[in-house]
Amino acid sequence: MPLVARKLRDPDINPCLSESDASTRCMDENNYDRERCSTHFLKYKNCRRFWNSVMVKRRQNGVQPPMPTAAERDEILGAMGKMPY
């Protein structure tokens, strides 16, 4: 597997891996009819937006690494009580 593909499949790098997989699965199941999968696309888009805002705040505060690891993300989501996206 190429390096770029491995990075996209790494849960520490890609915080929206499950949403991405759900979108792809939906497209496969619905013969690539984008209208039927719009809810999955919206969920993925909101996920990316949320984690991008977290990353920006961490950069502004000087926290390294800017993207929280998978374990840190689980703690953040657990503290919120529900999925913000």
N, C-alpha and C. Protein backbone atom coordinates (compact mmCIF):
# COMPACT_ATOMS: atom_id res chain seq x y z
N MET A 1 0.84 -1.17 0.00
CA MET A 1 0.00 0.00 0.00
C MET A 1 0.90 1.24 0.00
N PRO A 2 0.59 2.21 -0.85
CA PRO A 2 1.40 3.44 -0.89
C PRO A 2 1.34 4.20 0.43
N LEU A 3 2.35 5.00 0.67
CA LEU A 3 2.46 5.75 1.93
C LEU A 3 1.25 6.65 2.16
N VAL A 4 0.80 7.34 1.13
CA VAL A 4 -0.35 8.25 1.29
C VAL A 4 -1.59 7.46 1.70
N ALA A 5 -1.80 6.33 1.09
CA ALA A 5 -2.97 5.51 1.43
C ALA A 5 -2.85 4.98 2.86
N ARG A 6 -1.65 4.61 3.27
CA ARG A 6 -1.46 4.14 4.65
C ARG A 6 -1.76 5.24 5.65
N LYS A 7 -1.35 6.47 5.34
CA LYS A 7 -1.62 7.59 6.23
C LYS A 7 -3.12 7.84 6.35
N LEU A 8 -3.83 7.75 5.25
CA LEU A 8 -5.27 7.98 5.29
C LEU A 8 -6.00 6.90 6.07
N ARG A 9 -5.43 5.71 6.16
CA ARG A 9 -6.05 4.61 6.90
C ARG A 9 -5.58 4.55 8.35
N ASP A 10 -4.66 5.42 8.74
CA ASP A 10 -4.14 5.43 10.10
C ASP A 10 -5.09 6.21 11.01
N PRO A 11 -5.66 5.56 12.03
CA PRO A 11 -6.61 6.26 12.90
C PRO A 11 -5.98 7.40 13.70
N ASP A 12 -4.66 7.40 13.88
CA ASP A 12 -4.02 8.51 14.59
C ASP A 12 -3.92 9.75 13.71
N ILE A 13 -3.93 9.58 12.40
CA ILE A 13 -3.80 10.70 11.48
C ILE A 13 -5.17 11.16 10.97
N ASN A 14 -6.04 10.21 10.65
CA ASN A 14 -7.35 10.54 10.09
C ASN A 14 -8.43 10.37 11.16
N PRO A 15 -8.92 11.48 11.71
CA PRO A 15 -9.92 11.38 12.78
C PRO A 15 -11.30 10.97 12.28
N CYS A 16 -11.53 11.05 10.98
CA CYS A 16 -12.86 10.77 10.42
C CYS A 16 -12.85 9.49 9.59
N LEU A 17 -12.08 8.53 10.01
CA LEU A 17 -11.93 7.28 9.26
C LEU A 17 -13.26 6.53 9.17
N SER A 18 -14.00 6.44 10.24
CA SER A 18 -15.27 5.70 10.20
C SER A 18 -16.29 6.40 9.31
N GLU A 19 -16.31 7.73 9.34
CA GLU A 19 -17.24 8.48 8.48
C GLU A 19 -16.86 8.32 7.02
N SER A 20 -15.57 8.33 6.75
CA SER A 20 -15.08 8.13 5.39
C SER A 20 -15.46 6.74 4.87
N ASP A 21 -15.26 5.74 5.71
CA ASP A 21 -15.62 4.37 5.33
C ASP A 21 -17.12 4.24 5.09
N ALA A 22 -17.92 4.90 5.93
CA ALA A 22 -19.38 4.83 5.78
C ALA A 22 -19.81 5.46 4.46
N SER A 23 -19.18 6.57 4.09
CA SER A 23 -19.50 7.22 2.82
C SER A 23 -19.16 6.32 1.64
N THR A 24 -18.00 5.72 1.69
CA THR A 24 -17.57 4.83 0.61
C THR A 24 -18.48 3.61 0.52
N ARG A 25 -18.82 3.04 1.67
CA ARG A 25 -19.70 1.87 1.70
C ARG A 25 -21.07 2.23 1.13
N CYS A 26 -21.59 3.39 1.48
CA CYS A 26 -22.88 3.83 0.98
C CYS A 26 -22.85 3.98 -0.54
N MET A 27 -21.79 4.57 -1.04
CA MET A 27 -21.67 4.72 -2.50
C MET A 27 -21.63 3.36 -3.18
N ASP A 28 -20.91 2.42 -2.61
CA ASP A 28 -20.83 1.08 -3.19
C ASP A 28 -22.20 0.41 -3.19
N GLU A 29 -22.93 0.53 -2.09
CA GLU A 29 -24.22 -0.13 -1.96
C GLU A 29 -25.32 0.50 -2.82
N ASN A 30 -25.17 1.77 -3.16
CA ASN A 30 -26.21 2.48 -3.91
C ASN A 30 -25.79 2.83 -5.33
N ASN A 31 -24.90 2.05 -5.90
CA ASN A 31 -24.46 2.23 -7.29
C ASN A 31 -24.00 3.66 -7.58
N TYR A 32 -23.30 4.24 -6.62
CA TYR A 32 -22.70 5.57 -6.75
C TYR A 32 -23.71 6.68 -7.02
N ASP A 33 -24.90 6.53 -6.42
CA ASP A 33 -25.92 7.56 -6.47
C ASP A 33 -25.65 8.51 -5.30
N ARG A 34 -25.09 9.67 -5.60
CA ARG A 34 -24.65 10.60 -4.56
C ARG A 34 -25.81 11.14 -3.71
N GLU A 35 -26.98 11.26 -4.30
CA GLU A 35 -28.12 11.79 -3.55
C GLU A 35 -28.52 10.88 -2.39
N ARG A 36 -28.40 9.59 -2.57
CA ARG A 36 -28.76 8.64 -1.51
C ARG A 36 -27.77 8.66 -0.36
N CYS A 37 -26.58 9.16 -0.60
CA CYS A 37 -25.53 9.14 0.43
C CYS A 37 -25.24 10.51 1.00
N SER A 38 -26.10 11.46 0.74
CA SER A 38 -25.83 12.84 1.16
C SER A 38 -25.70 12.96 2.68
N THR A 39 -26.44 12.17 3.45
CA THR A 39 -26.31 12.25 4.91
C THR A 39 -24.92 11.80 5.36
N HIS A 40 -24.38 10.78 4.70
CA HIS A 40 -23.03 10.31 5.04
C HIS A 40 -21.99 11.36 4.69
N PHE A 41 -22.18 12.02 3.54
CA PHE A 41 -21.24 13.06 3.13
C PHE A 41 -21.28 14.23 4.11
N LEU A 42 -22.47 14.59 4.54
CA LEU A 42 -22.62 15.71 5.49
C LEU A 42 -21.96 15.37 6.82
N LYS A 43 -22.15 14.14 7.28
CA LYS A 43 -21.53 13.72 8.53
C LYS A 43 -20.00 13.77 8.42
N TYR A 44 -19.45 13.32 7.29
CA TYR A 44 -18.01 13.36 7.08
C TYR A 44 -17.52 14.81 7.06
N LYS A 45 -18.25 15.66 6.35
CA LYS A 45 -17.86 17.07 6.25
C LYS A 45 -17.86 17.74 7.62
N ASN A 46 -18.89 17.46 8.42
CA ASN A 46 -18.96 18.04 9.77
C ASN A 46 -17.85 17.50 10.66
N CYS A 47 -17.52 16.23 10.49
CA CYS A 47 -16.42 15.63 11.26
C CYS A 47 -15.11 16.34 10.94
N ARG A 48 -14.83 16.51 9.65
CA ARG A 48 -13.60 17.19 9.25
C ARG A 48 -13.56 18.63 9.79
N ARG A 49 -14.69 19.31 9.72
CA ARG A 49 -14.76 20.68 10.24
C ARG A 49 -14.45 20.74 11.73
N PHE A 50 -15.08 19.82 12.49
CA PHE A 50 -14.88 19.80 13.94
C PHE A 50 -13.42 19.55 14.28
N TRP A 51 -12.81 18.50 13.71
CA TRP A 51 -11.43 18.17 14.07
C TRP A 51 -10.45 19.20 13.52
N ASN A 52 -10.79 19.86 12.43
CA ASN A 52 -9.93 20.94 11.93
C ASN A 52 -9.95 22.11 12.91
N SER A 53 -11.11 22.42 13.48
CA SER A 53 -11.17 23.52 14.45
C SER A 53 -10.39 23.16 15.72
N VAL A 54 -10.45 21.89 16.13
CA VAL A 54 -9.66 21.44 17.28
C VAL A 54 -8.18 21.60 16.98
N MET A 55 -7.78 21.21 15.78
CA MET A 55 -6.38 21.29 15.38
C MET A 55 -5.90 22.74 15.36
N VAL A 56 -6.72 23.65 14.85
CA VAL A 56 -6.35 25.06 14.80
C VAL A 56 -6.17 25.62 16.22
N LYS A 57 -7.10 25.29 17.12
CA LYS A 57 -6.99 25.76 18.51
C LYS A 57 -5.74 25.22 19.19
N ARG A 58 -5.42 23.95 18.94
CA ARG A 58 -4.22 23.37 19.54
C ARG A 58 -2.96 24.04 19.00
N ARG A 59 -2.95 24.35 17.72
CA ARG A 59 -1.79 25.06 17.14
C ARG A 59 -1.64 26.43 17.77
N GLN A 60 -2.76 27.14 17.92
CA GLN A 60 -2.72 28.48 18.52
C GLN A 60 -2.22 28.44 19.95
N ASN A 61 -2.53 27.36 20.66
CA ASN A 61 -2.10 27.21 22.05
C ASN A 61 -0.72 26.56 22.17
N GLY A 62 -0.11 26.21 21.06
CA GLY A 62 1.23 25.63 21.08
C GLY A 62 1.27 24.17 21.48
N VAL A 63 0.16 23.46 21.39
CA VAL A 63 0.10 22.05 21.76
C VAL A 63 0.60 21.20 20.60
N GLN A 64 1.48 20.27 20.91
CA GLN A 64 2.00 19.34 19.89
C GLN A 64 1.59 17.93 20.23
N PRO A 65 1.23 17.11 19.31
CA PRO A 65 0.97 17.39 17.90
C PRO A 65 -0.37 18.13 17.76
N PRO A 66 -0.52 18.85 16.67
CA PRO A 66 -1.75 19.64 16.49
C PRO A 66 -3.01 18.76 16.43
N MET A 67 -2.91 17.61 15.79
CA MET A 67 -4.05 16.69 15.73
C MET A 67 -3.94 15.71 16.90
N PRO A 68 -4.96 15.65 17.75
CA PRO A 68 -4.91 14.70 18.87
C PRO A 68 -4.80 13.26 18.37
N THR A 69 -4.16 12.42 19.15
CA THR A 69 -4.08 11.01 18.78
C THR A 69 -5.46 10.38 18.95
N ALA A 70 -5.60 9.15 18.47
CA ALA A 70 -6.90 8.47 18.55
C ALA A 70 -7.37 8.34 20.00
N ALA A 71 -6.45 8.06 20.91
CA ALA A 71 -6.81 7.93 22.33
C ALA A 71 -7.27 9.28 22.89
N GLU A 72 -6.57 10.35 22.55
CA GLU A 72 -6.97 11.68 23.01
C GLU A 72 -8.32 12.08 22.44
N ARG A 73 -8.56 11.72 21.18
CA ARG A 73 -9.85 12.05 20.56
C ARG A 73 -10.99 11.32 21.27
N ASP A 74 -10.76 10.07 21.65
CA ASP A 74 -11.78 9.32 22.38
C ASP A 74 -12.09 10.00 23.71
N GLU A 75 -11.05 10.51 24.39
CA GLU A 75 -11.26 11.22 25.66
C GLU A 75 -12.04 12.51 25.43
N ILE A 76 -11.70 13.24 24.38
CA ILE A 76 -12.39 14.50 24.07
C ILE A 76 -13.87 14.23 23.79
N LEU A 77 -14.15 13.23 22.98
CA LEU A 77 -15.54 12.90 22.65
C LEU A 77 -16.28 12.38 23.87
N GLY A 78 -15.59 11.61 24.72
CA GLY A 78 -16.21 11.11 25.95
C GLY A 78 -16.57 12.23 26.90
N ALA A 79 -15.72 13.25 26.98
CA ALA A 79 -15.99 14.39 27.85
C ALA A 79 -17.17 15.21 27.35
N MET A 80 -17.37 15.21 26.04
CA MET A 80 -18.50 15.96 25.47
C MET A 80 -19.82 15.24 25.68
N GLY A 81 -19.76 13.93 25.86
CA GLY A 81 -20.97 13.16 26.11
C GLY A 81 -21.69 12.69 24.86
N LYS A 82 -21.47 13.35 23.74
CA LYS A 82 -22.11 12.94 22.48
C LYS A 82 -21.24 13.38 21.32
N MET A 83 -21.55 12.86 20.17
CA MET A 83 -20.79 13.23 18.98
C MET A 83 -21.19 14.66 18.57
N PRO A 84 -20.23 15.55 18.40
CA PRO A 84 -20.55 16.93 18.05
C PRO A 84 -20.86 17.10 16.57
N TYR A 85 -20.80 16.03 15.81
CA TYR A 85 -21.07 16.12 14.38
C TYR A 85 -21.97 15.01 13.92
